Amino acid sequence: MSEACGATGVAPVLQLHPTRRCNLACAHCYTVSGPDARGELPVSLLAACVEDAYALGYRQLAVSGGEPLVYGGLAALLAAARDAGMLTSITTNGLLATPSRWAPLAPLLDVVAVSIDGRPAEHDAIRGRDGAFARTVRNLATIRDAGVPFGFIHTLTQYNVDGLEFVVRLAAECGARSVQVHPLTVHGRAAETMPDARPDGLELLAAVYEAMRLGESLGVRVHVDAITVDQVATYRDRLVPSRPVTRLVEVAPVLAVDAAATVVPFTHEVGGALALGSLYDARLSTLARVWLDAGRGDALAEACDRAWTEIALGADRTAVYWYDAVAARTENVAA
């Protein structure tokens, strides 16, 4: 079963976006990051968030961005997560993974996700930089030689499932242990540059079965962030949290903190009324308690319930990205 809401065997994740600064301005970027973005969150603020998140049941730190390798406090943040008992990961475009940058980070990382968005020309077009693909692939040696396990993350659009085999073969050749296929989120810059490229149910279903075929034939674990409608119907107990919700982690296996320090449960696409608030206003432990006391956890659980009912009992038998499906049912939640 693919990634979903609830007990899927994946440890709950704290996803931090400490900066919107990036060496690229990718067409599919949902955070509108780029070279002109300014500012970053203080390490002390995020370290306190990590400490509270562990106490709340989150066991993995995933640092994204922006580009994590331009965040000045990255090593300190990873060390704070390790001290708290969390597994650590980053998602990077790979262009800055030079030996000098990588050496102090490697001992603090459990896994790295490197973005690969198709064949060289496709990848470079999305990145907006000629030669980006070649440089990223060249820098994989630095990550591999440091002994840090790595995989690829590949953005799936309505038009590129036929390129998945290229990405998986590249993973096998380069020593990547996995390929994560993530549906395009039409948010941020992607809403302007790729508004019609979100994969539909048929494209998601095709990706699920293509991933199964490639994983078996090439020996690379391929995971698609989507589930078939039949799986939705079968695994209701994993997808719909019980109410009343008494712990944040019960309803939000992913907890995101954006570059403005706003804490959002489940996915960044969740309606603003369900945000926990800002770390500048209170620590995560306080934000979580107030959020639960206000019944926000039950509201999110109810959105999961509505998504399950409409999908599992509907006529469409293709596949869905569960997080987006739930988020769509939170847009009209009252503040």
Protein backbone atom coordinates (compact mmCIF):
# COMPACT_ATOMS: atom_id res chain seq x y z
CA MET A 1 0.00 0.00 0.00
CA SER A 2 1.32 3.46 -0.82
CA GLU A 3 1.72 6.47 1.44
CA ALA A 4 -1.52 7.52 3.10
CA CYS A 5 -3.08 9.02 6.17
CA GLY A 6 -2.69 6.89 9.27
CA ALA A 7 -0.98 3.66 10.21
CA THR A 8 0.83 2.72 7.01
CA GLY A 9 4.03 1.48 8.60
CA VAL A 10 5.83 4.77 7.90
CA ALA A 11 7.08 6.65 10.95
CA PRO A 12 5.44 10.08 11.39
CA VAL A 13 7.41 12.84 9.66
CA LEU A 14 8.23 16.42 10.59
CA GLN A 15 8.82 18.26 7.32
CA LEU A 16 10.74 21.53 7.64
CA HIS A 17 11.22 24.22 5.01
CA PRO A 18 13.78 26.47 6.72
CA THR A 19 14.27 28.74 3.73
CA ARG A 20 12.88 29.60 0.29
CA ARG A 21 16.34 30.42 -0.99
CA CYS A 22 17.44 28.13 -3.79
CA ASN A 23 20.06 28.07 -6.53
CA LEU A 24 17.26 27.26 -9.01
CA ALA A 25 13.74 28.48 -9.78
CA CYS A 26 12.11 25.26 -10.93
CA ALA A 27 8.87 25.35 -12.90
CA HIS A 28 7.16 22.86 -10.58
CA CYS A 29 8.19 24.47 -7.28
CA TYR A 30 5.22 24.70 -4.90
CA THR A 31 7.07 26.97 -2.45
CA VAL A 32 8.06 29.61 -5.06
CA SER A 33 11.68 29.24 -4.03
CA GLY A 34 14.55 30.67 -6.02
CA PRO A 35 17.76 32.73 -6.06
CA ASP A 36 15.89 35.95 -5.30
CA ALA A 37 14.15 34.62 -2.18
CA ARG A 38 15.45 35.99 1.10
CA GLY A 39 15.43 35.01 4.73
CA GLU A 40 15.65 31.79 6.70
CA LEU A 41 14.24 30.48 9.95
CA PRO A 42 16.50 30.54 13.03
CA VAL A 43 18.03 27.21 14.00
CA SER A 44 17.01 27.77 17.62
CA LEU A 45 13.35 28.07 16.59
CA LEU A 46 13.48 24.87 14.56
CA ALA A 47 15.49 22.94 17.14
CA ALA A 48 12.78 23.64 19.71
CA CYS A 49 10.19 22.50 17.15
CA VAL A 50 12.13 19.26 16.61
CA GLU A 51 12.24 18.62 20.36
CA ASP A 52 8.49 19.16 20.71
CA ALA A 53 7.73 17.11 17.59
CA TYR A 54 9.58 14.12 18.98
CA ALA A 55 7.60 14.37 22.21
CA LEU A 56 4.42 14.44 20.10
CA GLY A 57 5.36 11.21 18.33
CA TYR A 58 7.21 12.33 15.19
CA ARG A 59 10.23 10.17 14.44
CA GLN A 60 11.65 11.47 11.15
CA LEU A 61 12.93 14.89 10.14
CA ALA A 62 12.69 15.71 6.44
CA VAL A 63 14.31 19.00 5.41
CA SER A 64 13.28 20.53 2.11
CA GLY A 65 13.10 24.07 0.87
CA GLY A 66 14.19 25.96 -1.02
CA GLU A 67 17.44 24.08 -1.31
CA PRO A 68 18.57 22.70 2.07
CA LEU A 69 22.24 22.97 1.10
CA VAL A 70 22.02 26.78 1.06
CA TYR A 71 20.57 26.88 4.60
CA GLY A 72 23.35 28.01 6.91
CA GLY A 73 22.00 26.14 9.91
CA LEU A 74 21.48 22.78 8.22
CA ALA A 75 24.20 20.86 10.10
CA ALA A 76 23.03 22.22 13.45
CA LEU A 77 19.42 21.37 12.63
CA LEU A 78 20.29 17.81 11.62
CA ALA A 79 22.36 17.41 14.78
CA ALA A 80 19.43 18.61 16.90
CA ALA A 81 17.19 16.01 15.26
CA ARG A 82 19.75 13.26 15.86
CA ASP A 83 20.06 14.33 19.51
CA ALA A 84 16.28 14.12 19.84
CA GLY A 85 16.26 10.58 18.46
CA MET A 86 14.95 11.27 14.97
CA LEU A 87 15.99 9.82 11.64
CA THR A 88 17.14 12.56 9.28
CA SER A 89 16.75 13.24 5.56
CA ILE A 90 16.98 16.06 3.06
CA THR A 91 15.57 16.61 -0.41
CA THR A 92 18.07 18.31 -2.71
CA ASN A 93 18.50 19.19 -6.37
CA GLY A 94 22.04 17.84 -6.05
CA LEU A 95 23.81 20.70 -7.79
CA LEU A 96 25.55 21.85 -4.61
CA ALA A 97 26.52 18.41 -3.30
CA THR A 98 30.24 19.09 -3.60
CA PRO A 99 32.77 17.33 -1.34
CA SER A 100 33.39 20.44 0.77
CA ARG A 101 29.68 21.01 1.41
CA TRP A 102 28.91 17.36 1.88
CA ALA A 103 31.62 16.28 4.31
CA PRO A 104 30.15 17.90 7.46
CA LEU A 105 26.59 16.78 6.61
CA ALA A 106 27.14 13.14 5.70
CA PRO A 107 27.53 11.84 9.29
CA LEU A 108 24.25 13.54 10.23
CA LEU A 109 22.09 12.07 7.47
CA ASP A 110 20.24 8.77 7.29
CA VAL A 111 18.99 9.19 3.74
CA VAL A 112 19.00 11.73 0.91
CA ALA A 113 16.36 12.28 -1.78
CA VAL A 114 17.77 13.71 -5.01
CA SER A 115 15.29 15.28 -7.44
CA ILE A 116 15.43 13.80 -10.94
CA ASP A 117 12.68 15.01 -13.24
CA GLY A 118 13.06 12.83 -16.29
CA ARG A 119 15.45 12.56 -19.20
CA PRO A 120 18.23 15.17 -19.44
CA ALA A 121 16.33 17.61 -21.67
CA GLU A 122 13.14 17.29 -19.60
CA HIS A 123 15.02 17.72 -16.35
CA ASP A 124 16.92 20.78 -17.57
CA ALA A 125 13.74 22.40 -18.94
CA ILE A 126 11.98 22.10 -15.57
CA ARG A 127 15.07 23.34 -13.76
CA GLY A 128 15.50 26.24 -16.15
CA ARG A 129 19.21 25.53 -16.48
CA ASP A 130 21.12 23.76 -19.23
CA GLY A 131 23.44 21.09 -17.91
CA ALA A 132 21.62 20.71 -14.58
CA PHE A 133 20.96 17.01 -15.15
CA ALA A 134 24.59 16.20 -15.98
CA ARG A 135 25.90 18.08 -12.96
CA THR A 136 23.43 16.46 -10.56
CA VAL A 137 24.28 12.96 -11.81
CA ARG A 138 27.98 13.75 -11.55
CA ASN A 139 27.55 14.86 -7.92
CA LEU A 140 25.87 11.58 -6.98
CA ALA A 141 29.35 10.14 -6.59
CA THR A 142 30.00 12.51 -3.69
CA ILE A 143 26.89 11.31 -1.87
CA ARG A 144 27.55 7.66 -2.67
CA ASP A 145 31.22 7.78 -1.68
CA ALA A 146 30.28 9.30 1.68
CA GLY A 147 28.22 6.20 2.43
CA VAL A 148 24.89 8.03 2.74
CA PRO A 149 21.98 5.99 1.30
CA PHE A 150 20.15 7.96 -1.37
CA GLY A 151 17.18 7.67 -3.66
CA PHE A 152 15.53 9.71 -6.38
CA ILE A 153 12.34 11.70 -6.11
CA HIS A 154 10.57 12.16 -9.43
CA THR A 155 7.68 14.53 -10.07
CA LEU A 156 4.86 12.86 -12.00
CA THR A 157 2.83 15.04 -14.35
CA GLN A 158 -0.04 14.28 -16.70
CA TYR A 159 2.45 13.73 -19.50
CA ASN A 160 5.59 11.97 -18.27
CA VAL A 161 4.76 8.48 -17.00
CA ASP A 162 6.55 7.13 -20.08
CA GLY A 163 9.80 8.59 -18.68
CA LEU A 164 9.60 6.64 -15.43
CA GLU A 165 11.57 3.72 -16.85
CA PHE A 166 14.48 6.05 -17.69
CA VAL A 167 14.55 7.36 -14.10
CA VAL A 168 14.41 3.87 -12.56
CA ARG A 169 17.15 2.58 -14.86
CA LEU A 170 19.27 5.58 -13.92
CA ALA A 171 18.69 4.79 -10.25
CA ALA A 172 19.88 1.22 -10.78
CA GLU A 173 22.99 2.41 -12.64
CA CYS A 174 23.89 5.05 -10.04
CA GLY A 175 23.32 2.99 -6.92
CA ALA A 176 20.15 4.74 -5.76
CA ARG A 177 18.19 2.48 -3.47
CA SER A 178 14.73 3.76 -4.42
CA VAL A 179 12.64 6.03 -6.60
CA GLN A 180 9.77 7.98 -5.07
CA VAL A 181 7.22 9.14 -7.64
CA HIS A 182 5.36 12.18 -6.36
CA PRO A 183 2.38 13.70 -8.20
CA LEU A 184 2.78 17.31 -9.25
CA THR A 185 1.27 19.74 -6.77
CA VAL A 186 -0.33 22.62 -8.66
CA HIS A 187 0.57 25.22 -6.08
CA GLY A 188 3.01 28.11 -5.93
CA ARG A 189 5.02 28.54 -9.12
CA ALA A 190 3.56 25.35 -10.60
CA ALA A 191 0.11 26.97 -10.59
CA GLU A 192 1.47 29.57 -13.03
CA THR A 193 3.81 27.49 -15.17
CA MET A 194 2.13 24.05 -15.18
CA PRO A 195 -1.56 24.63 -14.38
CA ASP A 196 -2.84 21.76 -16.53
CA ALA A 197 -0.15 19.21 -15.70
CA ARG A 198 -1.55 17.60 -12.54
CA PRO A 199 -1.82 13.84 -13.22
CA ASP A 200 -5.35 12.49 -13.32
CA GLY A 201 -6.56 9.19 -11.90
CA LEU A 202 -5.66 7.21 -15.00
CA GLU A 203 -2.11 8.60 -15.08
CA LEU A 204 -1.70 7.80 -11.38
CA LEU A 205 -2.97 4.28 -11.93
CA ALA A 206 -0.60 3.82 -14.86
CA ALA A 207 2.28 4.99 -12.68
CA VAL A 208 1.35 2.55 -9.90
CA TYR A 209 1.43 -0.44 -12.25
CA GLU A 210 4.50 0.79 -14.11
CA ALA A 211 6.28 1.15 -10.76
CA MET A 212 5.42 -2.44 -9.86
CA ARG A 213 6.76 -3.70 -13.18
CA LEU A 214 9.98 -1.69 -13.04
CA GLY A 215 10.69 -2.46 -9.41
CA GLU A 216 10.47 -6.19 -10.08
CA SER A 217 12.51 -6.12 -13.30
CA LEU A 218 15.27 -3.70 -12.23
CA GLY A 219 15.60 -4.44 -8.54
CA VAL A 220 14.94 -0.86 -7.41
CA ARG A 221 12.21 -0.08 -4.90
CA VAL A 222 9.76 2.23 -6.70
CA HIS A 223 7.11 3.95 -4.61
CA VAL A 224 4.26 6.04 -6.02
CA ASP A 225 2.57 8.52 -3.70
CA ALA A 226 -0.83 7.29 -4.80
CA ILE A 227 -3.23 4.50 -3.96
CA THR A 228 -5.78 2.74 -6.08
CA VAL A 229 -9.44 3.34 -5.35
CA ASP A 230 -9.76 -0.33 -4.45
CA GLN A 231 -7.06 0.16 -1.81
CA VAL A 232 -8.94 3.17 -0.47
CA ALA A 233 -12.03 0.99 -0.05
CA THR A 234 -10.06 -1.80 1.62
CA TYR A 235 -7.97 0.22 4.08
CA ARG A 236 -10.46 2.56 5.66
CA ASP A 237 -9.05 1.90 9.13
CA ARG A 238 -5.66 3.18 8.01
CA LEU A 239 -6.98 6.22 6.21
CA VAL A 240 -9.69 7.59 8.50
CA PRO A 241 -8.63 8.42 12.08
CA SER A 242 -10.98 7.61 14.93
CA ARG A 243 -12.74 10.48 16.62
CA PRO A 244 -12.35 12.18 18.98
CA VAL A 245 -8.73 12.85 18.01
CA THR A 246 -6.61 13.12 21.15
CA ARG A 247 -3.10 13.27 19.64
CA LEU A 248 -1.87 15.33 16.72
CA VAL A 249 0.05 12.42 15.23
CA GLU A 250 -3.14 10.34 14.98
CA VAL A 251 -4.55 12.59 12.27
CA ALA A 252 -1.39 14.21 10.88
CA PRO A 253 1.31 11.62 10.09
CA VAL A 254 3.05 14.47 8.28
CA LEU A 255 3.53 17.84 9.96
CA ALA A 256 4.92 20.64 7.79
CA VAL A 257 6.56 23.91 8.79
CA ASP A 258 6.90 26.40 5.96
CA ALA A 259 9.55 29.07 5.49
CA ALA A 260 7.35 31.61 7.33
CA ALA A 261 7.23 29.29 10.40
CA THR A 262 3.57 28.37 9.89
CA VAL A 263 2.75 24.82 11.02
CA VAL A 264 0.34 22.89 8.80
CA PRO A 265 -0.89 19.34 9.47
CA PHE A 266 -1.07 16.52 6.94
CA THR A 267 0.00 18.46 3.82
CA HIS A 268 0.71 22.09 2.94
CA GLU A 269 -2.42 22.04 0.74
CA VAL A 270 -4.70 21.72 3.79
CA GLY A 271 -7.05 24.71 4.19
CA GLY A 272 -5.66 27.63 6.18
CA ALA A 273 -8.30 27.31 8.89
CA LEU A 274 -6.68 24.04 9.97
CA ALA A 275 -3.16 25.44 10.32
CA LEU A 276 -1.78 25.18 13.86
CA GLY A 277 -0.32 28.69 13.81
CA SER A 278 3.17 30.19 13.83
CA LEU A 279 6.22 29.03 15.74
CA TYR A 280 6.98 32.70 16.26
CA ASP A 281 3.85 32.93 18.41
CA ALA A 282 4.22 29.76 20.48
CA ARG A 283 6.15 26.51 20.68
CA LEU A 284 4.83 23.52 18.80
CA SER A 285 3.74 21.81 22.00
CA THR A 286 1.44 24.73 22.81
CA LEU A 287 0.16 25.10 19.25
CA ALA A 288 -0.73 21.40 19.15
CA ARG A 289 -2.59 21.48 22.46
CA VAL A 290 -4.63 24.54 21.50
CA TRP A 291 -5.38 23.04 18.06
CA LEU A 292 -6.68 19.82 19.55
CA ASP A 293 -8.70 21.61 22.24
CA ALA A 294 -10.39 23.65 19.50
CA GLY A 295 -11.55 20.48 17.72
CA ARG A 296 -9.30 21.01 14.71
CA GLY A 297 -8.14 17.40 14.83
CA ASP A 298 -11.70 16.18 14.58
CA ALA A 299 -12.30 18.54 11.64
CA LEU A 300 -9.33 17.06 9.77
CA ALA A 301 -10.45 13.52 10.62
CA GLU A 302 -13.89 14.39 9.26
CA ALA A 303 -12.27 15.52 5.99
CA CYS A 304 -10.54 12.13 5.79
CA ASP A 305 -13.90 10.46 6.36
CA ARG A 306 -15.59 12.49 3.62
CA ALA A 307 -12.74 11.82 1.20
CA TRP A 308 -12.96 8.09 1.89
CA THR A 309 -16.73 7.98 1.41
CA GLU A 310 -16.71 9.95 -1.83
CA ILE A 311 -13.80 8.01 -3.32
CA ALA A 312 -14.48 4.47 -2.11
CA LEU A 313 -18.17 4.59 -2.97
CA GLY A 314 -17.79 6.50 -6.23
CA ALA A 315 -17.78 5.13 -9.75
CA ASP A 316 -14.15 6.03 -10.56
CA ARG A 317 -11.91 2.95 -10.06
CA THR A 318 -8.54 4.48 -10.93
CA ALA A 319 -6.09 5.92 -8.34
CA VAL A 320 -5.76 9.01 -6.14
CA TYR A 321 -3.13 10.97 -4.28
CA TRP A 322 -4.72 10.65 -0.85
CA TYR A 323 -3.19 13.76 0.68
CA ASP A 324 -4.51 16.02 -2.06
CA ALA A 325 -7.91 14.30 -1.90
CA VAL A 326 -8.22 15.05 1.81
CA ALA A 327 -6.84 18.58 1.46
CA ALA A 328 -9.51 19.38 -1.15
CA ARG A 329 -12.15 18.60 1.47
CA THR A 330 -10.68 21.09 3.96
CA GLU A 331 -10.92 24.20 1.80
CA ASN A 332 -14.26 25.29 3.27
CA VAL A 333 -13.59 24.45 6.93
CA ALA A 334 -14.58 27.46 9.02
CA ALA A 335 -11.89 29.20 11.03
